[in-house]
Amino acid sequence: MILVNELRPGITFQYEGNIYTVLDIQHNKTAMRQMIVKVKVKNLRSGSIVEISFTGGDKVEPAMIEKKEMQYLYDSGDALVFMDTSTYDQIEIPKDRLEWELKFLKPNDNVTIVMYEGEILGITLPDKVALQIVECEPAVKGDTATNATKNATLETGLEIRVPLFIENEEMVLVTTADGKYSSRA
């Protein structure tokens, strides 16, 4: 058991049948009351972010999360197929659970599969991925008063804003947290 006073960002725990990872924590102690611990957490099954309040001294069950490096093979229609590169075992994850991650996945990319007691919770992407631009608006000459950008479509179908000097067929780095242009690859 883990005391809620000892929770820190990155720790995973079980609470009321769900598995959470801590994003942020606040301790509120007044002279007349017990400590209130507010924990901002991400539900690893649903992906939702909520805030849970505990009383100081409460305990939660630790959750041992298993991470496994796997390779994305292909889209089978309603699921994505991944392969363990050491044992060649294949697993399928429903497409609707990976809507955001699908915008950054290309066949043969390596990702980290997150599991809890054999249950697949999702995948973890690298911080930045290199993707090729397949369609890009032409730059408008003289339109550079301030940080000017234009629309671009990437090979995965994701649409982003890029600086004017970026052209078709170029490789760019995209941040997976917010889906924005980072730099040239």
Protein backbone atom coordinates (compact mmCIF):
# COMPACT_ATOMS: atom_id res chain seq x y z
CA MET A 1 0.00 0.00 0.00
CA ILE A 2 1.12 3.55 -0.77
CA LEU A 3 0.26 6.51 1.45
CA VAL A 4 -1.37 9.24 -0.67
CA ASN A 5 1.00 11.74 1.01
CA GLU A 6 3.88 9.94 -0.77
CA LEU A 7 2.39 10.02 -4.31
CA ARG A 8 4.54 11.78 -6.92
CA PRO A 9 4.08 12.43 -10.66
CA GLY A 10 4.65 9.27 -12.69
CA ILE A 11 3.52 6.82 -9.97
CA THR A 12 0.73 4.41 -10.97
CA PHE A 13 -1.88 3.10 -8.55
CA GLN A 14 -5.23 1.30 -8.36
CA TYR A 15 -8.27 3.06 -6.92
CA GLU A 16 -11.94 2.01 -7.12
CA GLY A 17 -11.24 -0.57 -9.83
CA ASN A 18 -9.36 1.82 -12.13
CA ILE A 19 -5.67 2.25 -12.85
CA TYR A 20 -4.30 5.79 -12.61
CA THR A 21 -0.99 7.50 -13.20
CA VAL A 22 -0.25 10.68 -11.21
CA LEU A 23 0.17 13.87 -13.26
CA ASP A 24 0.18 16.46 -10.46
CA ILE A 25 -0.39 16.55 -6.69
CA GLN A 26 -1.30 19.28 -4.20
CA HIS A 27 -1.23 19.08 -0.40
CA ASN A 28 -3.58 21.40 1.50
CA LYS A 29 -3.12 21.52 5.28
CA THR A 30 -4.94 23.94 7.54
CA ALA A 31 -4.68 24.19 11.33
CA MET A 32 -8.24 23.04 12.02
CA ARG A 33 -8.53 20.11 9.60
CA GLN A 34 -6.76 17.05 8.35
CA MET A 35 -4.59 17.36 5.28
CA ILE A 36 -6.42 17.20 1.94
CA VAL A 37 -4.42 15.66 -0.91
CA LYS A 38 -5.70 16.56 -4.39
CA VAL A 39 -4.25 14.34 -7.07
CA LYS A 40 -4.60 15.09 -10.80
CA VAL A 41 -4.51 11.68 -12.49
CA LYS A 42 -4.92 10.05 -15.89
CA ASN A 43 -7.10 6.96 -16.10
CA LEU A 44 -4.97 4.49 -18.07
CA ARG A 45 -8.01 2.52 -19.29
CA SER A 46 -10.13 5.39 -20.61
CA GLY A 47 -7.50 8.12 -21.07
CA SER A 48 -9.59 10.67 -19.15
CA ILE A 49 -7.91 13.12 -16.78
CA VAL A 50 -9.64 13.69 -13.42
CA GLU A 51 -8.85 15.10 -10.00
CA ILE A 52 -9.29 12.89 -6.93
CA SER A 53 -9.31 14.21 -3.36
CA PHE A 54 -7.97 12.09 -0.51
CA THR A 55 -7.64 12.70 3.21
CA GLY A 56 -4.04 12.66 4.48
CA GLY A 57 -3.13 9.15 5.61
CA ASP A 58 -5.36 7.34 3.07
CA LYS A 59 -3.74 4.44 1.25
CA VAL A 60 -3.96 3.22 -2.35
CA GLU A 61 -2.89 -0.03 -3.96
CA PRO A 62 0.25 0.22 -6.18
CA ALA A 63 -0.14 -0.89 -9.80
CA MET A 64 2.81 -2.56 -11.50
CA ILE A 65 2.74 -1.41 -15.12
CA GLU A 66 4.59 -3.56 -17.64
CA LYS A 67 6.09 -1.92 -20.73
CA LYS A 68 7.10 -3.86 -23.82
CA GLU A 69 8.81 -2.60 -26.98
CA MET A 70 6.83 -3.65 -30.07
CA GLN A 71 6.72 -2.85 -33.77
CA TYR A 72 3.61 -1.48 -35.52
CA LEU A 73 2.87 -3.74 -38.50
CA TYR A 74 -0.38 -2.70 -40.16
CA ASP A 75 -3.98 -1.53 -39.85
CA SER A 76 -6.36 -4.51 -40.13
CA GLY A 77 -9.46 -2.35 -40.54
CA ASP A 78 -10.90 -2.21 -37.03
CA ALA A 79 -7.65 -2.85 -35.13
CA LEU A 80 -3.93 -2.11 -35.26
CA VAL A 81 -1.50 -5.04 -35.29
CA PHE A 82 1.75 -4.94 -33.30
CA MET A 83 4.56 -7.51 -33.13
CA ASP A 84 7.02 -8.34 -30.36
CA THR A 85 10.38 -8.18 -32.18
CA SER A 86 11.99 -10.82 -29.94
CA THR A 87 9.26 -13.52 -29.85
CA TYR A 88 7.36 -12.52 -33.04
CA ASP A 89 4.06 -12.71 -31.12
CA GLN A 90 1.40 -10.42 -32.57
CA ILE A 91 -1.30 -8.51 -30.72
CA GLU A 92 -4.22 -6.41 -31.92
CA ILE A 93 -5.43 -3.20 -30.27
CA PRO A 94 -8.84 -1.77 -31.27
CA LYS A 95 -8.47 1.30 -33.48
CA ASP A 96 -10.92 3.38 -31.41
CA ARG A 97 -8.57 3.16 -28.37
CA LEU A 98 -5.65 4.67 -30.36
CA GLU A 99 -7.29 7.54 -32.26
CA TRP A 100 -4.69 10.17 -31.24
CA GLU A 101 -1.68 7.83 -31.55
CA LEU A 102 -2.78 6.73 -35.05
CA LYS A 103 -1.96 10.23 -36.36
CA PHE A 104 1.75 9.56 -35.68
CA LEU A 105 2.11 5.85 -36.55
CA LYS A 106 3.72 4.49 -39.72
CA PRO A 107 4.26 0.79 -40.47
CA ASN A 108 7.50 -0.58 -38.91
CA ASP A 109 7.61 2.14 -36.20
CA ASN A 110 8.69 0.94 -32.77
CA VAL A 111 6.38 1.87 -29.88
CA THR A 112 6.06 0.94 -26.22
CA ILE A 113 2.97 -1.11 -25.33
CA VAL A 114 1.70 -0.43 -21.79
CA MET A 115 0.13 -3.44 -19.99
CA TYR A 116 -1.27 -4.24 -16.57
CA GLU A 117 -1.57 -7.92 -15.60
CA GLY A 118 -1.86 -8.94 -19.27
CA GLU A 119 -4.46 -6.24 -20.07
CA ILE A 120 -3.29 -3.88 -22.81
CA LEU A 121 -3.85 -0.28 -21.70
CA GLY A 122 -2.43 1.50 -24.75
CA ILE A 123 0.80 2.62 -26.37
CA THR A 124 3.42 5.21 -25.56
CA LEU A 125 4.85 7.19 -28.47
CA PRO A 126 8.26 8.87 -28.57
CA ASP A 127 8.21 12.61 -27.76
CA LYS A 128 8.77 13.52 -31.42
CA VAL A 129 8.29 11.60 -34.67
CA ALA A 130 9.65 12.27 -38.16
CA LEU A 131 6.93 12.42 -40.82
CA GLN A 132 6.97 13.35 -44.50
CA ILE A 133 4.90 16.18 -45.93
CA VAL A 134 2.72 14.97 -48.82
CA GLU A 135 0.85 18.20 -49.54
CA CYS A 136 1.81 21.76 -48.72
CA GLU A 137 0.43 25.19 -49.66
CA PRO A 138 2.78 27.41 -51.67
CA ALA A 139 4.39 30.24 -49.73
CA VAL A 140 2.99 33.72 -50.38
CA LYS A 141 5.81 36.17 -51.08
CA GLY A 142 5.85 39.17 -48.76
CA ASP A 143 3.66 37.45 -46.15
CA THR A 144 6.37 37.41 -43.48
CA ALA A 145 5.51 40.25 -41.12
CA THR A 146 5.51 37.92 -38.13
CA ASN A 147 6.01 34.20 -37.56
CA ALA A 148 4.15 33.19 -40.75
CA THR A 149 2.93 29.63 -41.21
CA LYS A 150 1.01 27.61 -43.79
CA ASN A 151 -1.01 24.39 -43.84
CA ALA A 152 0.65 21.04 -44.55
CA THR A 153 -0.67 17.46 -44.71
CA LEU A 154 1.57 14.65 -43.48
CA GLU A 155 1.85 11.06 -44.71
CA THR A 156 -0.38 9.83 -41.86
CA GLY A 157 -3.15 12.32 -42.77
CA LEU A 158 -2.41 14.70 -39.90
CA GLU A 159 -2.73 18.38 -40.84
CA ILE A 160 -0.33 20.82 -39.16
CA ARG A 161 0.94 24.40 -39.54
CA VAL A 162 4.54 24.74 -40.75
CA PRO A 163 6.84 27.70 -41.47
CA LEU A 164 6.83 29.12 -45.01
CA PHE A 165 10.25 27.68 -45.95
CA ILE A 166 9.02 24.05 -45.63
CA GLU A 167 8.14 22.41 -48.96
CA ASN A 168 6.52 19.21 -50.29
CA GLU A 169 8.28 15.87 -49.68
CA GLU A 170 10.31 17.27 -46.74
CA MET A 171 10.67 15.36 -43.47
CA VAL A 172 9.60 17.28 -40.36
CA LEU A 173 9.62 16.50 -36.63
CA VAL A 174 6.18 16.63 -34.99
CA THR A 175 5.59 16.71 -31.23
CA THR A 176 3.29 13.82 -30.27
CA ALA A 177 1.92 15.55 -27.15
CA ASP A 178 0.16 18.33 -29.08
CA GLY A 179 0.60 17.43 -32.77
CA LYS A 180 2.54 20.58 -33.67
CA TYR A 181 5.54 21.20 -35.92
CA SER A 182 8.86 21.11 -34.06
CA SER A 183 11.63 21.33 -36.69
CA ARG A 184 13.02 19.81 -39.87
CA ALA A 185 14.05 16.18 -39.52
